């Protein structure tokens, strides 16, 4: 990465995800042992198991979206597994179209685009992520969109972003990561649809 601040943010993200994945995995293994030995059963244990599964899925997603990208390739099966686990039981559905392994840095950018689209789709919907001839397209479709024009208008520029809260950090990071990869994200909006190309 060229930008020192982006690189530092990625290293922090990697460190946090690395340190959290082990205890989450240990809790998940403990729950499996409970289940195998006929331990405590009931809705309480189901709730704990669901919560641990959701936390693990989010950490896997965040590790790609916010961690250091490196040069490795990510296979379709791994990417789809992360997306399916993260959206299980939610109102948002994600369709990952690329069939071939993809560079982790580009998957990272696609995941950040997905998070940007998610903020515009508070009632759920479907996001399709495509890659053709080196151009990525993330399309969000929903019956109701909620678009913050201040955030979206600055996406493809190096201008000053509006005040960013933790829930909106993807809007600050996506342009920086895009620039680092020599890309410029573009947003288009139509009735019931919002598209990001990079």
Protein backbone atom coordinates (compact mmCIF):
# COMPACT_ATOMS: atom_id res chain seq x y z
CA UNK A 1 0.00 0.00 0.00
CA UNK A 2 1.22 3.42 -0.84
CA UNK A 3 -0.67 5.52 1.71
CA UNK A 4 0.84 5.25 5.19
CA UNK A 5 -2.47 5.99 6.94
CA UNK A 6 -4.30 3.34 4.90
CA UNK A 7 -1.53 0.86 5.58
CA UNK A 8 -1.62 1.57 9.32
CA UNK A 9 -5.42 1.20 9.38
CA UNK A 10 -5.10 -2.15 7.58
CA UNK A 11 -2.48 -3.41 10.02
CA UNK A 12 -4.67 -2.41 12.97
CA UNK A 13 -7.65 -4.16 11.38
CA UNK A 14 -5.59 -7.31 10.80
CA UNK A 15 -4.32 -7.31 14.38
CA UNK A 16 -7.79 -6.90 15.91
CA UNK A 17 -9.30 -9.63 13.73
CA UNK A 18 -6.37 -11.97 14.37
CA UNK A 19 -6.64 -11.53 18.14
CA UNK A 20 -10.43 -11.98 18.19
CA UNK A 21 -10.81 -14.98 15.89
CA UNK A 22 -9.11 -17.42 18.31
CA UNK A 23 -11.38 -16.80 21.34
CA UNK A 24 -14.47 -16.77 19.11
CA UNK A 25 -13.37 -20.09 17.63
CA UNK A 26 -12.75 -21.50 21.11
CA UNK A 27 -16.27 -20.54 22.22
CA UNK A 28 -17.70 -22.16 19.10
CA UNK A 29 -15.72 -25.37 19.80
CA UNK A 30 -16.94 -25.35 23.40
CA UNK A 31 -20.55 -25.10 22.23
CA UNK A 32 -20.00 -28.07 19.89
CA UNK A 33 -18.63 -30.11 22.80
CA UNK A 34 -21.68 -29.20 24.87
CA UNK A 35 -23.86 -30.42 22.03
CA UNK A 36 -21.92 -33.69 21.61
CA UNK A 37 -22.07 -34.53 25.30
CA UNK A 38 -25.79 -33.79 25.58
CA UNK A 39 -25.16 -30.75 27.77
CA UNK A 40 -27.47 -27.81 28.28
CA UNK A 41 -30.04 -27.51 25.49
CA UNK A 42 -32.69 -24.94 24.75
CA UNK A 43 -33.29 -21.54 23.19
CA UNK A 44 -30.60 -19.94 25.35
CA UNK A 45 -27.90 -22.18 23.89
CA UNK A 46 -29.29 -21.62 20.37
CA UNK A 47 -29.05 -17.87 20.91
CA UNK A 48 -25.45 -18.15 22.11
CA UNK A 49 -24.53 -20.40 19.17
CA UNK A 50 -26.15 -18.03 16.67
CA UNK A 51 -24.40 -15.03 18.22
CA UNK A 52 -21.00 -16.74 18.18
CA UNK A 53 -21.52 -17.81 14.57
CA UNK A 54 -22.47 -14.26 13.59
CA UNK A 55 -19.47 -12.80 15.39
CA UNK A 56 -17.11 -15.26 13.69
CA UNK A 57 -18.60 -14.46 10.27
CA UNK A 58 -18.24 -10.72 10.81
CA UNK A 59 -14.63 -11.07 11.91
CA UNK A 60 -13.85 -13.09 8.76
CA UNK A 61 -15.53 -10.39 6.65
CA UNK A 62 -13.77 -7.53 8.49
CA UNK A 63 -10.41 -9.29 8.17
CA UNK A 64 -10.76 -9.07 4.37
CA UNK A 65 -12.41 -5.63 4.22
CA UNK A 66 -10.23 -3.85 6.78
CA UNK A 67 -7.11 -5.99 7.11
CA UNK A 68 -3.86 -5.85 5.17
CA UNK A 69 -4.57 -7.20 1.68
CA UNK A 70 -1.29 -8.81 0.62
CA UNK A 71 -0.86 -10.39 -2.80
CA UNK A 72 -2.68 -13.68 -2.34
CA UNK A 73 -5.72 -14.84 -4.27
CA UNK A 74 -9.05 -15.69 -2.64
CA UNK A 75 -11.10 -18.54 -4.08
CA UNK A 76 -14.79 -18.30 -4.83
CA UNK A 77 -15.71 -20.92 -2.21
CA UNK A 78 -14.02 -18.97 0.58
CA UNK A 79 -15.55 -15.64 -0.48
CA UNK A 80 -19.06 -17.06 -0.84
CA UNK A 81 -18.73 -18.81 2.53
CA UNK A 82 -17.82 -15.53 4.24
CA UNK A 83 -20.70 -13.67 2.57
CA UNK A 84 -23.27 -16.42 3.23
CA UNK A 85 -22.28 -16.69 6.90
CA UNK A 86 -22.38 -12.93 7.38
CA UNK A 87 -25.81 -12.45 5.81
CA UNK A 88 -27.46 -15.60 7.20
CA UNK A 89 -30.79 -14.71 8.80
CA UNK A 90 -30.56 -11.07 7.71
CA UNK A 91 -32.51 -8.97 5.25
CA UNK A 92 -29.57 -8.45 2.89
CA UNK A 93 -28.68 -11.08 0.27
CA UNK A 94 -25.37 -11.04 -1.60
CA UNK A 95 -24.69 -12.71 -4.94
CA UNK A 96 -20.99 -13.11 -5.79
CA UNK A 97 -20.69 -13.60 -9.56
CA UNK A 98 -16.93 -14.08 -10.23
CA UNK A 99 -16.12 -17.77 -10.64
CA UNK A 100 -12.33 -17.54 -10.62
CA UNK A 101 -10.06 -16.73 -7.67
CA UNK A 102 -9.64 -12.98 -7.22
CA UNK A 103 -6.80 -10.85 -5.81
CA UNK A 104 -7.40 -10.18 -2.14
CA UNK A 105 -6.89 -6.43 -2.64
CA UNK A 106 -9.75 -6.33 -5.16
CA UNK A 107 -12.01 -8.48 -2.97
CA UNK A 108 -11.27 -6.05 -0.17
CA UNK A 109 -12.50 -3.18 -2.32
CA UNK A 110 -15.62 -5.17 -3.29
CA UNK A 111 -16.36 -5.84 0.40
CA UNK A 112 -16.01 -2.13 1.20
CA UNK A 113 -18.38 -1.33 -1.68
CA UNK A 114 -20.81 -3.90 -0.27
CA UNK A 115 -20.74 -2.15 3.10
CA UNK A 116 -21.36 1.22 1.46
CA UNK A 117 -24.37 -0.23 -0.38
CA UNK A 118 -25.63 -1.83 2.81
CA UNK A 119 -25.93 1.60 4.45
CA UNK A 120 -28.27 2.67 1.64
CA UNK A 121 -30.44 -0.43 2.08
CA UNK A 122 -31.65 -0.31 5.71
CA UNK A 123 -34.64 -2.54 4.96
CA UNK A 124 -32.64 -5.15 3.10
CA UNK A 125 -32.40 -6.07 -0.54
CA UNK A 126 -29.98 -7.80 -2.88
CA UNK A 127 -26.41 -6.89 -3.77
CA UNK A 128 -24.79 -8.40 -6.87
CA UNK A 129 -21.03 -8.19 -7.26
CA UNK A 130 -19.60 -8.68 -10.74
CA UNK A 131 -16.17 -8.46 -12.33
CA UNK A 132 -15.64 -8.26 -16.07
CA UNK A 133 -12.45 -7.30 -17.93
CA UNK A 134 -10.92 -5.92 -14.74
CA UNK A 135 -13.90 -3.67 -13.94
CA UNK A 136 -15.87 -4.40 -10.79
CA UNK A 137 -19.54 -3.55 -10.37
CA UNK A 138 -21.53 -3.77 -7.15
CA UNK A 139 -25.27 -3.30 -7.64
CA UNK A 140 -27.66 -2.82 -4.74
CA UNK A 141 -31.37 -3.28 -5.38
CA UNK A 142 -34.07 -2.62 -2.82
CA UNK A 143 -37.65 -1.46 -2.66
CA UNK A 144 -36.55 1.44 -0.48
CA UNK A 145 -33.16 3.17 -0.60
CA UNK A 146 -31.87 5.68 1.95
CA UNK A 147 -28.97 7.57 0.38
CA UNK A 148 -26.91 10.17 2.22
CA UNK A 149 -25.92 12.46 -0.68
CA UNK A 150 -23.02 14.00 1.27
CA UNK A 151 -21.35 10.61 1.70
CA UNK A 152 -21.96 9.31 -1.79
CA UNK A 153 -21.00 12.50 -3.63
CA UNK A 154 -17.46 12.36 -2.20
CA UNK A 155 -16.88 8.67 -2.93
CA UNK A 156 -14.85 9.12 -6.12
CA UNK A 157 -12.97 12.24 -5.07
CA UNK A 158 -10.08 13.08 -2.83
CA UNK A 159 -12.06 15.97 -1.38
CA UNK A 160 -12.91 16.43 2.26
CA UNK A 161 -15.32 13.82 3.51
CA UNK A 162 -18.21 14.83 5.74
CA UNK A 163 -17.97 13.82 9.38
CA UNK A 164 -17.47 10.06 9.49
CA UNK A 165 -18.84 7.96 12.33
CA UNK A 166 -17.57 4.43 13.08
CA UNK A 167 -20.60 2.98 11.26
CA UNK A 168 -19.60 4.87 8.09
CA UNK A 169 -15.83 4.33 8.06
CA UNK A 170 -16.11 2.35 4.79
CA UNK A 171 -16.93 5.62 2.98
CA UNK A 172 -13.59 7.10 4.09
CA UNK A 173 -11.57 3.95 3.45
CA UNK A 174 -12.95 2.97 0.04
CA UNK A 175 -11.66 6.05 -1.86
CA UNK A 176 -8.24 5.71 -0.21
CA UNK A 177 -7.95 1.97 -1.01
CA UNK A 178 -9.24 2.65 -4.55
CA UNK A 179 -6.57 5.29 -5.13
CA UNK A 180 -3.95 2.89 -3.82
CA UNK A 181 -5.04 0.35 -6.47
CA UNK A 182 -5.13 2.99 -9.21
CA UNK A 183 -8.91 2.97 -9.40
CA UNK A 184 -11.64 5.57 -9.02
CA UNK A 185 -15.06 4.47 -7.77
CA UNK A 186 -18.09 5.85 -9.54
CA UNK A 187 -21.64 5.82 -8.20
CA UNK A 188 -24.86 5.80 -10.19
CA UNK A 189 -28.42 5.80 -8.88
CA UNK A 190 -31.63 4.73 -10.51
CA UNK A 191 -35.08 3.91 -9.22
CA UNK A 192 -34.63 1.19 -6.60
CA UNK A 193 -31.00 0.63 -7.55
CA UNK A 194 -27.59 2.02 -6.65
CA UNK A 195 -24.40 0.98 -8.43
CA UNK A 196 -20.70 1.35 -7.60
CA UNK A 197 -18.11 0.72 -10.33
CA UNK A 198 -14.37 0.66 -9.80
